[in-house]
Amino acid sequence: MEHSEEEAVMPRMWRRVGAAMFTVAFGANLFAPMLEVYREQDGLSESFVTGMLGIYAAGLVPALLVFGPVSDHRGRRAVMRPALAVVFPASLILAAASQTSEWLLYLGRWIMGFGVGMAMSSGSAWVKQLSTDQPGAGPRRATVVLSAGFGAGPLAAGLLAQFLPAPQVTPFMVHLVLVLVGAAMVWCVPETQPAIQGPRPRQPLVPPIALTGRFFWVVAAWAPWVFGTATVAFASIPLYTLSSVRFPIAYLGLVASVVMLTGVLVQPLAARLGEDGWLPLSVTGLGAASAGLRLGALTVTWHLSWLAIPTAVLLGVSYGFMMVAGLREVELLARPHELGALIGVFYTLTYVGFAVPFVLSFLAPAVARVAGVGKTTGFVWCLLAGVVVCAASAVPVARAASRVVPDPGTTAQRRLTVPGPRGVASRARALERRPGRRGPGLPDQEPLPGDPLPACTPWDRPAHGADTLSA
């Protein structure tokens, strides 16, 4: 179907891609309350069910790394359409697993993760490019639709599985219908990344900027906390309070939904705070994670089911702040032809956190045995260790984030000396007034340890011989 240039830049076109991303995220996270279904009704062990979170990440990570570059080369539609075709049979397999073999749950979760990785790596870049009405809003919009799907999925699945027949099947049937609707909405959205003719050039799956010290401290050092804390909030902490809950499946769905929807609701606030420059968003997110883990330790110690809700709120704030922070940093760091690939790298790092509940299912009993304490105490000690790690990592992350990030291939290396955290905002405003800038963002900084020296290209030369910009 042919589309005019005017139609290709219609302001609301991004919503159709957002609807497809919502559908994919809905199916990805409706699994959260199903863990209790498999524990109680199918008799599966704690390690088996939390392992399904990890196997999901194992499918998602390679898809993110592979299909980010593919969407940059072949176009966004060339990846998003097949992604919807992948998540559909994944839900079919998950629905059939309860009637056949529980090991099909692992297969279905792996396929689901693979489809979600395809959709996220292409859809986020597609939403950004379709956001012509507010170019800077693309990363936040992509995060909002994904988080909304991640939040609505477990809430709906918890209610369906708790109060309707066939709890192992009904939530997945609902998702199948949503996939068909999402596919119909996104199928004819105009392409924003024209396919490059000829074979895709051989490029590393990981863009070179992702291997630098700058990327490590500004993004990679804290990225696993994005979903690490979120999954602990709904897959680990509430399990120690279920004995006092009347509707445990719906309760777990509610907790998971609170985590994800809180992440959606705080993102406009995160964007405003980032523009004002009070603190780097990543450091704010680490602070919220530290507070949430401390409250989670109290929830488990006192066995208070209601306290899991404010814990989920705090960890949801952490999730939302750090997700926005990561996508903003990636947008600034990536060249246009590397954007999908670098988004894939960031999401890959965040989804490492999905393995945390599985690790805790082994680590907490091991700590308890070594220390000669109860399993609950061992789990609390693991949470408190996470608090220490969050606090310790915030220091180097804050130092790196207080320096400004590069705009690859468009401006010369410059040094900005601005004392105090509010200097971030003044740096951004100063840069937006500079001519020749690719878009709103932050200027370059001195290299961090481990960064390669930049190659000298015509666009890297300073204008008018300037080498310092003060704000």
Protein backbone atom coordinates (compact mmCIF):
# COMPACT_ATOMS: atom_id res chain seq x y z
CA MET A 1 0.00 0.00 0.00
CA GLU A 2 1.37 3.40 -0.98
CA HIS A 3 1.57 6.20 1.53
CA SER A 4 2.16 9.84 0.87
CA GLU A 5 4.88 11.74 2.69
CA GLU A 6 2.17 13.70 4.50
CA GLU A 7 0.61 10.52 5.82
CA ALA A 8 4.00 9.20 6.86
CA VAL A 9 4.42 12.05 9.34
CA MET A 10 0.89 12.16 10.78
CA PRO A 11 1.24 13.01 14.48
CA ARG A 12 -0.91 10.14 15.79
CA MET A 13 0.57 7.39 13.65
CA TRP A 14 2.88 6.30 16.46
CA ARG A 15 -0.14 5.18 18.48
CA ARG A 16 -0.78 2.28 16.11
CA VAL A 17 2.73 0.98 16.63
CA GLY A 18 2.30 1.64 20.33
CA ALA A 19 -0.84 -0.51 20.34
CA ALA A 20 1.11 -3.42 18.85
CA MET A 21 3.88 -2.97 21.41
CA PHE A 22 1.26 -2.88 24.18
CA THR A 23 -0.16 -6.18 22.94
CA VAL A 24 3.24 -7.86 22.92
CA ALA A 25 4.09 -6.55 26.39
CA PHE A 26 0.67 -7.66 27.67
CA GLY A 27 1.43 -11.24 26.68
CA ALA A 28 4.96 -11.10 28.03
CA ASN A 29 3.98 -10.18 31.58
CA LEU A 30 0.60 -11.85 32.04
CA PHE A 31 2.74 -14.77 33.16
CA ALA A 32 3.48 -13.14 36.56
CA PRO A 33 0.34 -14.30 38.46
CA MET A 34 0.39 -17.59 36.56
CA LEU A 35 3.43 -18.58 38.59
CA GLU A 36 1.14 -19.17 41.57
CA VAL A 37 -1.25 -21.19 39.40
CA TYR A 38 1.58 -23.50 38.39
CA ARG A 39 2.84 -23.76 41.97
CA GLU A 40 -0.51 -24.52 43.59
CA GLN A 41 -2.54 -26.31 40.92
CA ASP A 42 0.21 -28.04 38.95
CA GLY A 43 2.56 -28.67 41.87
CA LEU A 44 5.65 -27.19 40.24
CA SER A 45 8.60 -26.16 42.40
CA GLU A 46 9.68 -22.61 43.16
CA SER A 47 12.88 -22.98 41.14
CA PHE A 48 10.97 -24.41 38.17
CA VAL A 49 8.47 -21.55 37.96
CA THR A 50 11.01 -18.75 38.56
CA GLY A 51 13.20 -20.41 35.96
CA MET A 52 10.50 -19.56 33.43
CA LEU A 53 11.32 -15.90 33.99
CA GLY A 54 14.93 -16.61 33.14
CA ILE A 55 14.13 -18.68 30.04
CA TYR A 56 12.00 -15.79 28.81
CA ALA A 57 15.04 -13.52 29.04
CA ALA A 58 17.13 -16.16 27.24
CA GLY A 59 14.82 -15.88 24.24
CA LEU A 60 14.55 -12.12 24.42
CA VAL A 61 18.27 -11.28 24.57
CA PRO A 62 19.39 -12.80 21.23
CA ALA A 63 16.35 -11.33 19.49
CA LEU A 64 17.18 -7.87 20.80
CA LEU A 65 20.79 -8.11 19.66
CA VAL A 66 20.02 -9.58 16.23
CA PHE A 67 16.89 -7.71 15.18
CA GLY A 68 17.96 -4.23 16.27
CA PRO A 69 20.52 -4.07 13.44
CA VAL A 70 18.10 -5.87 11.11
CA SER A 71 15.44 -3.21 11.69
CA ASP A 72 18.03 -0.50 11.03
CA HIS A 73 18.91 -2.14 7.70
CA ARG A 74 15.64 -3.70 6.50
CA GLY A 75 13.13 -1.36 8.10
CA ARG A 76 10.89 -1.38 11.15
CA ARG A 77 7.94 -3.17 9.54
CA ALA A 78 10.19 -6.01 8.41
CA VAL A 79 10.73 -6.90 12.07
CA MET A 80 7.52 -5.82 13.81
CA ARG A 81 5.19 -7.82 11.57
CA PRO A 82 7.00 -11.15 12.11
CA ALA A 83 7.22 -10.37 15.84
CA LEU A 84 3.44 -10.50 16.12
CA ALA A 85 3.45 -13.74 14.16
CA VAL A 86 5.88 -15.19 16.71
CA VAL A 87 4.06 -14.24 19.94
CA PHE A 88 0.79 -15.74 18.64
CA PRO A 89 1.99 -19.39 18.63
CA ALA A 90 3.85 -18.72 21.88
CA SER A 91 0.55 -18.09 23.66
CA LEU A 92 -0.95 -21.16 21.98
CA ILE A 93 1.88 -23.32 23.33
CA LEU A 94 1.55 -21.88 26.82
CA ALA A 95 -2.19 -22.54 26.80
CA ALA A 96 -1.64 -26.15 25.67
CA ALA A 97 1.16 -26.86 28.17
CA SER A 98 -1.19 -27.52 31.07
CA GLN A 99 -2.83 -30.34 29.10
CA THR A 100 0.39 -31.89 27.81
CA SER A 101 3.83 -31.37 29.40
CA GLU A 102 5.03 -28.72 31.81
CA TRP A 103 8.25 -28.47 29.83
CA LEU A 104 6.24 -26.84 27.06
CA LEU A 105 5.98 -23.87 29.42
CA TYR A 106 9.70 -23.33 28.94
CA LEU A 107 9.38 -23.60 25.16
CA GLY A 108 6.44 -21.20 25.08
CA ARG A 109 8.19 -18.71 27.32
CA TRP A 110 11.35 -18.83 25.19
CA ILE A 111 9.38 -18.20 22.00
CA MET A 112 7.46 -15.40 23.73
CA GLY A 113 10.71 -13.78 24.81
CA PHE A 114 12.06 -14.04 21.26
CA GLY A 115 8.97 -12.32 19.83
CA VAL A 116 9.03 -9.62 22.50
CA GLY A 117 12.70 -8.95 21.72
CA MET A 118 11.89 -8.51 18.04
CA ALA A 119 9.05 -6.11 18.82
CA MET A 120 10.98 -4.04 21.33
CA SER A 121 14.12 -3.61 19.23
CA SER A 122 12.16 -2.36 16.20
CA GLY A 123 9.08 -0.85 17.82
CA SER A 124 10.90 1.56 20.13
CA ALA A 125 12.90 3.02 17.24
CA TRP A 126 9.74 3.12 15.09
CA VAL A 127 7.78 5.05 17.72
CA LYS A 128 10.65 7.52 18.05
CA GLN A 129 10.77 8.12 14.30
CA LEU A 130 6.99 8.49 14.06
CA SER A 131 6.90 11.05 16.88
CA THR A 132 7.28 13.98 14.50
CA ASP A 133 4.98 16.19 16.58
CA GLN A 134 7.30 15.93 19.60
CA PRO A 135 10.65 14.48 18.49
CA GLY A 136 12.01 14.31 22.03
CA ALA A 137 8.99 12.36 23.29
CA GLY A 138 9.75 9.18 21.33
CA PRO A 139 11.70 7.29 24.03
CA ARG A 140 9.15 8.16 26.72
CA ARG A 141 6.22 7.13 24.51
CA ALA A 142 7.83 3.78 23.74
CA THR A 143 8.47 3.18 27.42
CA VAL A 144 4.91 4.16 28.37
CA VAL A 145 3.20 1.75 25.96
CA LEU A 146 5.53 -1.09 26.92
CA SER A 147 5.10 -0.47 30.63
CA ALA A 148 1.33 -0.15 30.24
CA GLY A 149 1.25 -3.57 28.57
CA PHE A 150 3.53 -5.01 31.22
CA GLY A 151 1.17 -3.64 33.88
CA ALA A 152 -2.19 -4.52 32.32
CA GLY A 153 -1.14 -8.08 31.49
CA PRO A 154 -0.65 -9.39 35.04
CA LEU A 155 -3.68 -7.52 36.39
CA ALA A 156 -5.96 -9.05 33.76
CA ALA A 157 -4.37 -12.49 34.04
CA GLY A 158 -4.67 -12.48 37.83
CA LEU A 159 -8.39 -11.71 37.68
CA LEU A 160 -9.08 -14.15 34.86
CA ALA A 161 -7.14 -17.00 36.46
CA GLN A 162 -8.56 -16.37 39.93
CA PHE A 163 -12.25 -16.08 39.10
CA LEU A 164 -12.86 -17.82 35.75
CA PRO A 165 -12.64 -21.51 34.79
CA ALA A 166 -9.54 -23.01 33.16
CA PRO A 167 -7.02 -20.65 34.77
CA GLN A 168 -4.10 -22.18 32.84
CA VAL A 169 -5.79 -21.40 29.51
CA THR A 170 -8.13 -18.40 29.70
CA PRO A 171 -5.52 -15.58 30.01
CA PHE A 172 -3.67 -16.82 26.94
CA MET A 173 -6.86 -16.98 24.89
CA VAL A 174 -7.47 -13.31 25.67
CA HIS A 175 -3.96 -12.50 24.54
CA LEU A 176 -4.47 -14.29 21.23
CA VAL A 177 -7.38 -11.98 20.45
CA LEU A 178 -5.32 -8.91 21.32
CA VAL A 179 -2.50 -10.05 19.03
CA LEU A 180 -4.90 -10.19 16.08
CA VAL A 181 -6.15 -6.67 16.86
CA GLY A 182 -2.61 -5.32 17.25
CA ALA A 183 -1.51 -6.87 13.96
CA ALA A 184 -4.42 -5.27 12.13
CA MET A 185 -3.56 -1.85 13.55
CA VAL A 186 0.16 -1.89 12.76
CA TRP A 187 0.17 -3.72 9.45
CA CYS A 188 -0.12 -0.66 7.19
CA VAL A 189 1.77 1.92 9.25
CA PRO A 190 4.24 3.74 6.94
CA GLU A 191 7.87 2.71 7.05
CA THR A 192 10.24 5.26 8.59
CA GLN A 193 13.49 3.40 7.98
CA PRO A 194 13.79 2.69 4.24
CA ALA A 195 15.45 -0.62 3.49
CA ILE A 196 19.05 -0.41 2.37
CA GLN A 197 19.58 -2.20 -0.93
CA GLY A 198 21.99 -5.09 -1.08
CA PRO A 199 23.25 -7.37 1.65
CA ARG A 200 23.49 -6.04 5.16
CA PRO A 201 27.07 -4.96 5.83
CA ARG A 202 28.89 -7.05 8.35
CA GLN A 203 28.69 -5.15 11.57
CA PRO A 204 29.05 -6.31 15.15
CA LEU A 205 25.79 -7.04 16.93
CA VAL A 206 26.95 -4.68 19.64
CA PRO A 207 27.71 -1.12 18.39
CA PRO A 208 31.23 0.07 19.25
CA ILE A 209 29.92 2.80 21.57
CA ALA A 210 28.44 0.07 23.79
CA LEU A 211 31.95 -1.23 24.51
CA THR A 212 33.27 2.04 25.89
CA GLY A 213 33.80 3.06 29.48
CA ARG A 214 31.35 5.92 28.96
CA PHE A 215 28.51 3.57 28.05
CA PHE A 216 29.36 1.25 30.92
CA TRP A 217 29.06 3.89 33.63
CA VAL A 218 26.25 5.93 32.08
CA VAL A 219 24.03 2.94 31.15
CA ALA A 220 25.36 -0.60 31.60
CA ALA A 221 26.40 -0.39 35.25
CA TRP A 222 22.83 0.05 36.47
CA ALA A 223 20.67 -1.31 33.61
CA PRO A 224 20.07 -4.80 35.15
CA TRP A 225 18.42 -3.11 38.13
CA VAL A 226 15.57 -1.93 35.86
CA PHE A 227 13.86 -5.33 35.79
CA GLY A 228 15.89 -6.90 38.59
CA THR A 229 14.07 -4.90 41.25
CA ALA A 230 10.74 -5.04 39.40
CA THR A 231 10.71 -8.85 39.17
CA VAL A 232 11.75 -9.23 42.80
CA ALA A 233 8.78 -7.01 43.72
CA PHE A 234 6.19 -9.35 42.16
CA ALA A 235 7.90 -12.75 41.87
CA SER A 236 9.83 -13.03 45.14
CA ILE A 237 8.75 -10.67 47.94
CA PRO A 238 4.95 -11.41 47.87
CA LEU A 239 5.52 -15.16 48.16
CA TYR A 240 6.38 -14.73 51.83
CA THR A 241 3.00 -13.12 52.55
CA LEU A 242 0.59 -15.40 50.62
CA SER A 243 -0.47 -17.34 53.70
CA SER A 244 -2.62 -14.40 54.80
CA VAL A 245 -4.12 -13.62 51.36
CA ARG A 246 -7.57 -14.91 50.38
CA PHE A 247 -7.13 -14.59 46.58
CA PRO A 248 -3.40 -15.21 46.01
CA ILE A 249 -3.46 -15.28 42.20
CA ALA A 250 -5.31 -11.98 41.90
CA TYR A 251 -3.07 -10.56 44.63
CA LEU A 252 0.11 -11.41 42.71
CA GLY A 253 -1.40 -9.94 39.57
CA LEU A 254 -2.20 -6.75 41.47
CA VAL A 255 1.32 -6.44 42.87
CA ALA A 256 2.89 -6.98 39.44
CA SER A 257 0.50 -4.46 37.92
CA VAL A 258 1.32 -1.87 40.58
CA VAL A 259 5.03 -2.20 39.84
CA MET A 260 4.64 -1.71 36.11
CA LEU A 261 1.89 0.91 36.11
CA THR A 262 3.77 2.96 38.69
CA GLY A 263 6.65 2.90 36.25
CA VAL A 264 4.33 4.39 33.61
CA LEU A 265 2.90 7.09 35.87
CA VAL A 266 6.26 8.38 37.09
CA GLN A 267 7.76 8.77 33.64
CA PRO A 268 6.43 12.29 32.96
CA LEU A 269 7.84 13.31 36.33
CA ALA A 270 11.12 11.61 35.45
CA ALA A 271 11.27 13.55 32.20
CA ARG A 272 10.65 16.87 33.95
CA LEU A 273 13.23 16.17 36.65
CA GLY A 274 15.72 15.18 33.98
CA GLU A 275 15.17 18.48 32.17
CA ASP A 276 15.49 20.45 35.41
CA GLY A 277 18.68 18.58 36.24
CA TRP A 278 18.15 18.06 39.96
CA LEU A 279 19.80 14.64 39.86
CA PRO A 280 20.68 12.17 37.09
CA LEU A 281 17.63 9.98 36.54
CA SER A 282 19.68 6.81 36.93
CA VAL A 283 20.86 7.88 40.39
CA THR A 284 17.30 8.74 41.42
CA GLY A 285 16.21 5.29 40.25
CA LEU A 286 18.95 3.59 42.25
CA GLY A 287 17.85 5.52 45.32
CA ALA A 288 14.26 4.36 44.86
CA ALA A 289 15.48 0.79 44.39
CA SER A 290 17.44 0.97 47.62
CA ALA A 291 14.41 2.27 49.53
CA GLY A 292 12.13 -0.33 47.96
CA LEU A 293 14.41 -3.23 48.82
CA ARG A 294 14.62 -2.04 52.42
CA LEU A 295 10.83 -1.88 52.63
CA GLY A 296 10.66 -5.30 50.99
CA ALA A 297 12.89 -6.70 53.72
CA LEU A 298 10.42 -5.39 56.30
CA THR A 299 7.49 -6.87 54.33
CA VAL A 300 9.07 -10.30 54.38
CA THR A 301 10.19 -10.07 58.01
CA TRP A 302 6.76 -9.05 59.30
CA HIS A 303 4.75 -11.13 56.77
CA LEU A 304 2.50 -8.16 55.96
CA SER A 305 0.75 -8.64 52.62
CA TRP A 306 -0.45 -5.02 52.41
CA LEU A 307 3.11 -3.75 52.77
CA ALA A 308 4.01 -5.43 49.49
CA ILE A 309 1.96 -2.73 47.71
CA PRO A 310 4.02 0.31 48.82
CA THR A 311 7.11 -1.82 48.20
CA ALA A 312 5.89 -2.36 44.65
CA VAL A 313 5.30 1.38 44.29
CA LEU A 314 8.86 2.24 45.29
CA LEU A 315 10.37 -0.41 43.04
CA GLY A 316 8.05 0.72 40.24
CA VAL A 317 9.37 4.26 40.63
CA SER A 318 12.87 2.84 40.30
CA TYR A 319 11.86 0.91 37.18
CA GLY A 320 10.25 3.93 35.52
CA PHE A 321 13.06 6.36 36.26
CA MET A 322 15.81 4.03 35.10
CA MET A 323 13.98 2.97 31.94
CA VAL A 324 13.51 6.59 30.86
CA ALA A 325 17.10 7.37 31.80
CA GLY A 326 18.46 4.51 29.72
CA LEU A 327 16.46 5.29 26.58
CA ARG A 328 17.40 8.99 26.79
CA GLU A 329 21.08 8.16 27.13
CA VAL A 330 20.91 5.65 24.27
CA GLU A 331 19.24 8.19 21.99
CA LEU A 332 22.05 10.64 22.69
CA LEU A 333 24.84 8.11 22.22
CA ALA A 334 23.62 6.32 19.09
CA ARG A 335 24.22 7.32 15.50
CA PRO A 336 21.03 7.08 13.41
CA HIS A 337 22.01 3.78 11.78
CA GLU A 338 22.91 2.29 15.18
CA LEU A 339 19.84 3.38 17.12
CA GLY A 340 17.93 0.10 16.89
CA ALA A 341 21.05 -1.89 17.74
CA LEU A 342 21.92 0.22 20.78
CA ILE A 343 18.32 0.11 22.02
CA GLY A 344 18.61 -3.65 21.75
CA VAL A 345 21.79 -3.63 23.84
CA PHE A 346 20.13 -1.51 26.52
CA TYR A 347 17.04 -3.73 26.71
CA THR A 348 19.30 -6.79 26.80
CA LEU A 349 21.07 -5.44 29.85
CA THR A 350 17.78 -4.59 31.57
CA TYR A 351 16.39 -8.07 30.98
CA VAL A 352 19.33 -9.69 32.70
CA GLY A 353 17.39 -8.67 35.80
CA PHE A 354 14.66 -11.20 34.98
CA ALA A 355 17.01 -13.90 36.23
CA VAL A 356 17.14 -12.39 39.74
CA PRO A 357 14.13 -14.29 41.23
CA PHE A 358 15.54 -17.55 39.86
CA VAL A 359 18.95 -16.80 41.38
CA LEU A 360 17.34 -15.85 44.69
CA SER A 361 15.43 -19.15 44.78
CA PHE A 362 18.83 -20.86 45.14
CA LEU A 363 20.86 -18.12 46.80
CA ALA A 364 18.55 -17.37 49.73
CA PRO A 365 18.42 -21.02 50.97
CA ALA A 366 22.19 -21.28 50.48
CA VAL A 367 22.78 -18.16 52.57
CA ALA A 368 20.43 -19.51 55.21
CA ARG A 369 22.29 -22.83 55.40
CA VAL A 370 25.72 -21.23 55.59
CA ALA A 371 24.64 -18.70 58.24
CA GLY A 372 22.56 -21.20 60.19
CA VAL A 373 19.39 -19.10 59.96
CA GLY A 374 15.91 -19.63 58.55
CA LYS A 375 15.09 -19.39 54.84
CA THR A 376 13.14 -16.17 55.38
CA THR A 377 16.09 -14.56 57.13
CA GLY A 378 18.40 -15.68 54.32
CA PHE A 379 16.12 -14.01 51.79
CA VAL A 380 16.01 -10.80 53.85
CA TRP A 381 19.80 -10.74 53.97
CA CYS A 382 19.90 -11.04 50.18
CA LEU A 383 17.57 -8.03 49.87
CA LEU A 384 19.76 -6.01 52.23
CA ALA A 385 22.82 -6.95 50.17
CA GLY A 386 21.01 -5.48 47.18
CA VAL A 387 20.52 -2.26 49.13
CA VAL A 388 24.28 -2.05 49.68
CA VAL A 389 25.03 -2.69 46.01
CA CYS A 390 22.55 0.01 44.91
CA ALA A 391 24.07 2.56 47.27
CA ALA A 392 27.63 1.72 46.29
CA SER A 393 26.98 1.79 42.54
CA ALA A 394 25.18 5.15 42.77
CA VAL A 395 28.47 6.94 43.50
CA PRO A 396 30.39 6.13 40.28
CA VAL A 397 27.19 6.34 38.23
CA ALA A 398 26.53 9.82 39.59
CA ARG A 399 30.07 10.92 38.76
CA ALA A 400 29.76 9.64 35.20
CA ALA A 401 26.26 11.08 34.70
CA SER A 402 27.33 14.50 36.00
CA ARG A 403 29.60 14.72 32.99
CA VAL A 404 27.89 15.21 29.68
CA VAL A 405 27.53 12.54 27.03
CA PRO A 406 28.67 12.67 23.42
CA ASP A 407 26.74 13.42 20.29
CA PRO A 408 28.44 10.97 17.94
CA GLY A 409 29.76 12.25 14.64
CA THR A 410 28.23 15.73 14.78
CA THR A 411 30.14 17.93 17.20
CA ALA A 412 33.66 18.38 18.40
CA GLN A 413 34.86 17.20 21.77
CA ARG A 414 34.25 20.01 24.24
CA ARG A 415 34.59 20.40 27.94
CA LEU A 416 31.89 21.89 30.11
CA THR A 417 32.63 22.78 33.69
CA VAL A 418 29.40 23.31 35.57
CA PRO A 419 29.33 22.73 39.33
CA GLY A 420 26.35 21.05 40.93
CA PRO A 421 23.65 18.71 39.62
CA ARG A 422 21.56 21.55 38.19
CA GLY A 423 24.37 22.12 35.71
CA VAL A 424 22.98 19.26 33.65
CA ALA A 425 19.95 21.35 32.73
CA SER A 426 21.98 24.45 31.92
CA ARG A 427 24.28 22.35 29.74
CA ALA A 428 21.29 20.98 27.83
CA ARG A 429 19.76 24.42 27.34
CA ALA A 430 23.06 25.88 26.23
CA LEU A 431 23.55 23.12 23.70
CA GLU A 432 20.07 23.48 22.25
CA ARG A 433 21.02 27.04 21.30
CA ARG A 434 24.09 25.87 19.41
CA PRO A 435 23.75 25.73 15.60
CA GLY A 436 24.26 22.49 13.73
CA ARG A 437 23.13 20.22 16.53
CA ARG A 438 21.38 17.01 15.46
CA GLY A 439 18.70 17.46 18.08
CA PRO A 440 18.10 18.42 21.70
CA GLY A 441 20.47 16.70 24.09
CA LEU A 442 23.70 17.07 25.92
CA PRO A 443 27.14 18.10 24.61
CA ASP A 444 30.31 16.07 24.66
CA GLN A 445 32.50 15.35 27.62
CA GLU A 446 36.06 14.42 28.22
CA PRO A 447 36.62 10.70 27.62
CA LEU A 448 36.02 8.39 30.54
CA PRO A 449 38.58 5.70 31.34
CA GLY A 450 38.46 2.97 28.73
CA ASP A 451 36.94 5.12 25.95
CA PRO A 452 38.69 4.95 22.58
CA LEU A 453 40.01 8.16 21.09
CA PRO A 454 37.58 9.53 18.49
CA ALA A 455 38.51 9.40 14.86
CA CYS A 456 39.04 12.76 13.20
CA THR A 457 36.37 13.40 10.61
CA PRO A 458 35.26 16.65 8.91
CA TRP A 459 32.21 16.98 11.16
CA ASP A 460 34.33 16.53 14.30
CA ARG A 461 36.32 19.72 13.78
CA PRO A 462 35.49 22.58 16.15
CA ALA A 463 33.72 25.54 14.64
CA HIS A 464 35.55 28.87 14.77
CA GLY A 465 38.42 27.24 16.62
CA ALA A 466 36.45 27.03 19.86
CA ASP A 467 37.43 24.27 22.23
CA THR A 468 35.60 25.25 25.40
CA LEU A 469 32.00 26.06 26.13
CA SER A 470 30.99 27.44 29.49
CA ALA A 471 27.54 27.48 30.95
